[in-house]
């Protein structure tokens, strides 16, 4: 199995924001992931797209790789927290507020799938049919005769009066 990996370090965004976009492409085909990133309405999607393209190029350079992007998928992607820059902003009455400028390390792993060979049923044997499974029916439970905690509290306050 051919694998490619790429990392962008010290990207000027928080790891949480990058993780939201990474969740969209994890486990997808590379073509679908690239189109998802192209139309994502987040600024960090452009940086993740660059890292994904780099990971694909790294996988294609390995020995034994077919070079077909159609067979590649995003096996894992994650955003780690990088160092934070701390700045001071003046505040009223001589005070100061701290501004934290976060960074993140973006990592994308791409794997080339082995070709899947489907079994073709022989001419003489019929294709198997699968039975449909149905969920068991549920019935509404009645609360007749049962006391809830709210009615117990109401009864307790009445008895104290």
C-alpha atoms as a PDB file:
ATOM      1  CA  UNK A   1       0.000   0.000   0.000  1.00  0.00           C
ATOM      2  CA  UNK A   2       1.520   3.322  -1.105  1.00  0.00           C
ATOM      3  CA  UNK A   3       1.160   6.175   1.378  1.00  0.00           C
ATOM      4  CA  UNK A   4       1.944   9.873   1.112  1.00  0.00           C
ATOM      5  CA  UNK A   5       2.112  12.397   3.914  1.00  0.00           C
ATOM      6  CA  UNK A   6       2.422  16.163   4.021  1.00  0.00           C
ATOM      7  CA  UNK A   7       2.543  18.658   6.883  1.00  0.00           C
ATOM      8  CA  UNK A   8       2.164  22.418   6.952  1.00  0.00           C
ATOM      9  CA  UNK A   9       3.566  23.881  10.139  1.00  0.00           C
ATOM     10  CA  UNK A  10       2.875  27.153  11.911  1.00  0.00           C
ATOM     11  CA  UNK A  11      -0.290  27.935   9.947  1.00  0.00           C
ATOM     12  CA  UNK A  12      -1.902  31.043  11.415  1.00  0.00           C
ATOM     13  CA  UNK A  13      -5.228  29.599  12.606  1.00  0.00           C
ATOM     14  CA  UNK A  14      -6.468  27.673  15.605  1.00  0.00           C
ATOM     15  CA  UNK A  15      -6.365  23.888  15.561  1.00  0.00           C
ATOM     16  CA  UNK A  16     -10.067  23.774  16.405  1.00  0.00           C
ATOM     17  CA  UNK A  17     -11.060  25.754  13.293  1.00  0.00           C
ATOM     18  CA  UNK A  18      -8.811  23.639  11.086  1.00  0.00           C
ATOM     19  CA  UNK A  19     -10.226  20.455  12.638  1.00  0.00           C
ATOM     20  CA  UNK A  20     -13.750  21.408  11.553  1.00  0.00           C
ATOM     21  CA  UNK A  21     -12.680  21.444   7.899  1.00  0.00           C
ATOM     22  CA  UNK A  22     -10.484  18.343   8.278  1.00  0.00           C
ATOM     23  CA  UNK A  23     -13.523  16.407   9.500  1.00  0.00           C
ATOM     24  CA  UNK A  24     -15.208  17.094   6.145  1.00  0.00           C
ATOM     25  CA  UNK A  25     -12.533  15.322   4.077  1.00  0.00           C
ATOM     26  CA  UNK A  26     -11.408  12.473   6.336  1.00  0.00           C
ATOM     27  CA  UNK A  27     -11.969   9.102   4.631  1.00  0.00           C
ATOM     28  CA  UNK A  28     -13.006  10.607   1.282  1.00  0.00           C
ATOM     29  CA  UNK A  29     -11.649  10.002  -2.184  1.00  0.00           C
ATOM     30  CA  UNK A  30      -8.982  12.605  -3.103  1.00  0.00           C
ATOM     31  CA  UNK A  31     -11.008  14.081  -5.990  1.00  0.00           C
ATOM     32  CA  UNK A  32     -14.072  14.468  -3.789  1.00  0.00           C
ATOM     33  CA  UNK A  33     -11.964  15.939  -0.972  1.00  0.00           C
ATOM     34  CA  UNK A  34     -10.414  18.518  -3.308  1.00  0.00           C
ATOM     35  CA  UNK A  35     -13.812  19.621  -4.586  1.00  0.00           C
ATOM     36  CA  UNK A  36     -15.129  19.773  -1.020  1.00  0.00           C
ATOM     37  CA  UNK A  37     -12.238  22.015  -0.004  1.00  0.00           C
ATOM     38  CA  UNK A  38     -12.653  24.161  -3.113  1.00  0.00           C
ATOM     39  CA  UNK A  39     -16.209  25.097  -2.161  1.00  0.00           C
ATOM     40  CA  UNK A  40     -15.826  25.170   1.631  1.00  0.00           C
ATOM     41  CA  UNK A  41     -16.543  28.610   3.016  1.00  0.00           C
ATOM     42  CA  UNK A  42     -13.626  28.662   5.443  1.00  0.00           C
ATOM     43  CA  UNK A  43     -10.328  30.471   4.929  1.00  0.00           C
ATOM     44  CA  UNK A  44      -8.303  27.518   6.251  1.00  0.00           C
ATOM     45  CA  UNK A  45      -9.693  25.281   3.467  1.00  0.00           C
ATOM     46  CA  UNK A  46      -7.195  26.813   0.992  1.00  0.00           C
ATOM     47  CA  UNK A  47      -4.247  25.846   3.215  1.00  0.00           C
ATOM     48  CA  UNK A  48      -5.609  22.321   3.721  1.00  0.00           C
ATOM     49  CA  UNK A  49      -6.040  22.007  -0.064  1.00  0.00           C
ATOM     50  CA  UNK A  50      -2.348  22.847  -0.550  1.00  0.00           C
ATOM     51  CA  UNK A  51      -1.333  20.222   2.000  1.00  0.00           C
ATOM     52  CA  UNK A  52      -3.593  17.614   0.364  1.00  0.00           C
ATOM     53  CA  UNK A  53      -2.099  18.289  -3.079  1.00  0.00           C
ATOM     54  CA  UNK A  54       1.383  17.981  -1.593  1.00  0.00           C
ATOM     55  CA  UNK A  55       0.519  14.651   0.047  1.00  0.00           C
ATOM     56  CA  UNK A  56      -0.777  13.323  -3.281  1.00  0.00           C
ATOM     57  CA  UNK A  57       2.423  14.438  -5.029  1.00  0.00           C
ATOM     58  CA  UNK A  58       4.516  12.766  -2.321  1.00  0.00           C
ATOM     59  CA  UNK A  59       2.584   9.508  -2.772  1.00  0.00           C
ATOM     60  CA  UNK A  60       3.042   9.617  -6.545  1.00  0.00           C
ATOM     61  CA  UNK A  61       6.819  10.005  -6.170  1.00  0.00           C
ATOM     62  CA  UNK A  62       7.181   6.791  -4.172  1.00  0.00           C
ATOM     63  CA  UNK A  63       8.455   3.683  -5.884  1.00  0.00           C
ATOM     64  CA  UNK A  64       5.690   1.340  -6.973  1.00  0.00           C
ATOM     65  CA  UNK A  65       2.975   3.995  -7.071  1.00  0.00           C
ATOM     66  CA  UNK A  66       0.607   3.917 -10.036  1.00  0.00           C
ATOM     67  CA  UNK A  67       0.195   7.704 -10.015  1.00  0.00           C
ATOM     68  CA  UNK A  68      -3.569   7.514 -10.416  1.00  0.00           C
ATOM     69  CA  UNK A  69      -5.338  10.052  -8.246  1.00  0.00           C
ATOM     70  CA  UNK A  70      -8.641   8.172  -8.702  1.00  0.00           C
ATOM     71  CA  UNK A  71      -7.374   5.315  -6.525  1.00  0.00           C
ATOM     72  CA  UNK A  72      -6.210   7.543  -3.626  1.00  0.00           C
ATOM     73  CA  UNK A  73      -8.143   8.432  -0.514  1.00  0.00           C
ATOM     74  CA  UNK A  74      -7.524  10.551   2.561  1.00  0.00           C
ATOM     75  CA  UNK A  75      -6.724   7.973   5.232  1.00  0.00           C
ATOM     76  CA  UNK A  76      -6.195  10.423   8.075  1.00  0.00           C
ATOM     77  CA  UNK A  77      -5.878  14.141   8.596  1.00  0.00           C
ATOM     78  CA  UNK A  78      -5.506  16.126  11.760  1.00  0.00           C
ATOM     79  CA  UNK A  79      -4.579  19.553  13.089  1.00  0.00           C
ATOM     80  CA  UNK A  80      -2.210  19.803  16.033  1.00  0.00           C
ATOM     81  CA  UNK A  81      -1.819  22.908  18.132  1.00  0.00           C
ATOM     82  CA  UNK A  82       1.322  24.932  17.445  1.00  0.00           C
ATOM     83  CA  UNK A  83       2.955  27.652  19.517  1.00  0.00           C
ATOM     84  CA  UNK A  84       0.846  30.672  20.428  1.00  0.00           C
ATOM     85  CA  UNK A  85       2.005  34.268  20.116  1.00  0.00           C
ATOM     86  CA  UNK A  86       0.961  36.426  23.047  1.00  0.00           C
ATOM     87  CA  UNK A  87       0.298  40.114  22.528  1.00  0.00           C
ATOM     88  CA  UNK A  88      -0.895  42.871  24.843  1.00  0.00           C
ATOM     89  CA  UNK A  89      -3.733  45.240  23.986  1.00  0.00           C
ATOM     90  CA  UNK A  90      -4.247  48.411  26.012  1.00  0.00           C
ATOM     91  CA  UNK A  91      -7.502  48.535  27.956  1.00  0.00           C
ATOM     92  CA  UNK A  92      -9.305  51.312  29.830  1.00  0.00           C
ATOM     93  CA  UNK A  93      -8.081  52.626  33.188  1.00  0.00           C
ATOM     94  CA  UNK A  94      -4.485  51.537  32.678  1.00  0.00           C
ATOM     95  CA  UNK A  95      -5.230  47.850  32.333  1.00  0.00           C
ATOM     96  CA  UNK A  96      -4.106  45.496  29.559  1.00  0.00           C
ATOM     97  CA  UNK A  97      -5.856  42.661  27.775  1.00  0.00           C
ATOM     98  CA  UNK A  98      -3.941  39.686  26.437  1.00  0.00           C
ATOM     99  CA  UNK A  99      -4.418  38.612  22.827  1.00  0.00           C
ATOM    100  CA  UNK A 100      -3.430  35.045  21.937  1.00  0.00           C
ATOM    101  CA  UNK A 101      -2.589  34.461  18.253  1.00  0.00           C
ATOM    102  CA  UNK A 102      -2.796  30.714  17.750  1.00  0.00           C
ATOM    103  CA  UNK A 103      -1.010  28.543  15.194  1.00  0.00           C
ATOM    104  CA  UNK A 104      -1.606  24.988  14.016  1.00  0.00           C
ATOM    105  CA  UNK A 105       0.261  22.150  12.304  1.00  0.00           C
ATOM    106  CA  UNK A 106      -1.843  20.565   9.525  1.00  0.00           C
ATOM    107  CA  UNK A 107      -1.095  16.945   8.548  1.00  0.00           C
ATOM    108  CA  UNK A 108      -2.728  14.898   5.785  1.00  0.00           C
ATOM    109  CA  UNK A 109      -2.103  11.176   5.046  1.00  0.00           C
ATOM    110  CA  UNK A 110      -3.095   9.801   1.641  1.00  0.00           C
ATOM    111  CA  UNK A 111      -3.271   6.073   0.802  1.00  0.00           C
ATOM    112  CA  UNK A 112      -3.500   4.413  -2.589  1.00  0.00           C
ATOM    113  CA  UNK A 113      -6.138   1.699  -2.613  1.00  0.00           C
ATOM    114  CA  UNK A 114      -5.434  -1.685  -4.098  1.00  0.00           C
ATOM    115  CA  UNK A 115      -7.647  -2.447  -7.057  1.00  0.00           C
ATOM    116  CA  UNK A 116     -10.830  -4.097  -5.922  1.00  0.00           C
ATOM    117  CA  UNK A 117     -11.757  -7.142  -7.986  1.00  0.00           C
ATOM    118  CA  UNK A 118     -15.460  -7.973  -7.808  1.00  0.00           C
ATOM    119  CA  UNK A 119     -16.570 -11.571  -8.081  1.00  0.00           C
ATOM    120  CA  UNK A 120     -18.847 -12.165 -11.003  1.00  0.00           C
ATOM    121  CA  UNK A 121     -21.452 -14.869 -10.332  1.00  0.00           C
ATOM    122  CA  UNK A 122     -21.251 -17.859 -12.612  1.00  0.00           C
ATOM    123  CA  UNK A 123     -23.849 -18.222 -15.359  1.00  0.00           C
ATOM    124  CA  UNK A 124     -25.574 -21.236 -13.760  1.00  0.00           C
ATOM    125  CA  UNK A 125     -25.906 -19.918 -10.193  1.00  0.00           C
ATOM    126  CA  UNK A 126     -28.485 -17.270  -9.314  1.00  0.00           C
ATOM    127  CA  UNK A 127     -27.442 -14.214  -7.344  1.00  0.00           C
ATOM    128  CA  UNK A 128     -28.154 -14.420  -3.618  1.00  0.00           C
ATOM    129  CA  UNK A 129     -30.954 -12.321  -2.262  1.00  0.00           C
ATOM    130  CA  UNK A 130     -30.666 -10.707   1.132  1.00  0.00           C
ATOM    131  CA  UNK A 131     -33.636 -10.679   3.453  1.00  0.00           C
ATOM    132  CA  UNK A 132     -35.000  -7.323   4.462  1.00  0.00           C
ATOM    133  CA  UNK A 133     -34.657  -6.575   8.108  1.00  0.00           C
ATOM    134  CA  UNK A 134     -37.341  -4.592   9.823  1.00  0.00           C
ATOM    135  CA  UNK A 135     -37.073  -2.836  13.121  1.00  0.00           C
ATOM    136  CA  UNK A 136     -39.311  -4.146  15.912  1.00  0.00           C
ATOM    137  CA  UNK A 137     -42.353  -2.047  16.610  1.00  0.00           C
ATOM    138  CA  UNK A 138     -42.262   0.029  19.737  1.00  0.00           C
ATOM    139  CA  UNK A 139     -45.298   0.940  21.781  1.00  0.00           C
ATOM    140  CA  UNK A 140     -45.858   4.050  23.796  1.00  0.00           C
ATOM    141  CA  UNK A 141     -45.576   3.457  27.501  1.00  0.00           C
ATOM    142  CA  UNK A 142     -48.282   4.914  29.647  1.00  0.00           C
ATOM    143  CA  UNK A 143     -47.478   6.762  32.854  1.00  0.00           C
ATOM    144  CA  UNK A 144     -50.820   5.861  34.415  1.00  0.00           C
ATOM    145  CA  UNK A 145     -50.450   5.020  38.074  1.00  0.00           C
ATOM    146  CA  UNK A 146     -46.770   5.936  38.171  1.00  0.00           C
ATOM    147  CA  UNK A 147     -45.584   8.919  40.161  1.00  0.00           C
ATOM    148  CA  UNK A 148     -42.847  11.096  38.822  1.00  0.00           C
ATOM    149  CA  UNK A 149     -40.382  13.046  40.861  1.00  0.00           C
ATOM    150  CA  UNK A 150     -42.336  16.262  40.184  1.00  0.00           C
ATOM    151  CA  UNK A 151     -45.558  14.830  41.659  1.00  0.00           C
ATOM    152  CA  UNK A 152     -43.664  13.444  44.649  1.00  0.00           C
ATOM    153  CA  UNK A 153     -42.210  16.890  45.349  1.00  0.00           C
ATOM    154  CA  UNK A 154     -45.666  18.451  45.048  1.00  0.00           C
ATOM    155  CA  UNK A 155     -47.074  15.890  47.454  1.00  0.00           C
ATOM    156  CA  UNK A 156     -44.237  16.489  49.912  1.00  0.00           C
ATOM    157  CA  UNK A 157     -44.766  20.257  49.931  1.00  0.00           C
ATOM    158  CA  UNK A 158     -48.511  19.851  50.454  1.00  0.00           C
ATOM    159  CA  UNK A 159     -48.005  17.567  53.440  1.00  0.00           C
ATOM    160  CA  UNK A 160     -45.660  20.086  55.073  1.00  0.00           C
ATOM    161  CA  UNK A 161     -48.277  22.880  54.910  1.00  0.00           C
END
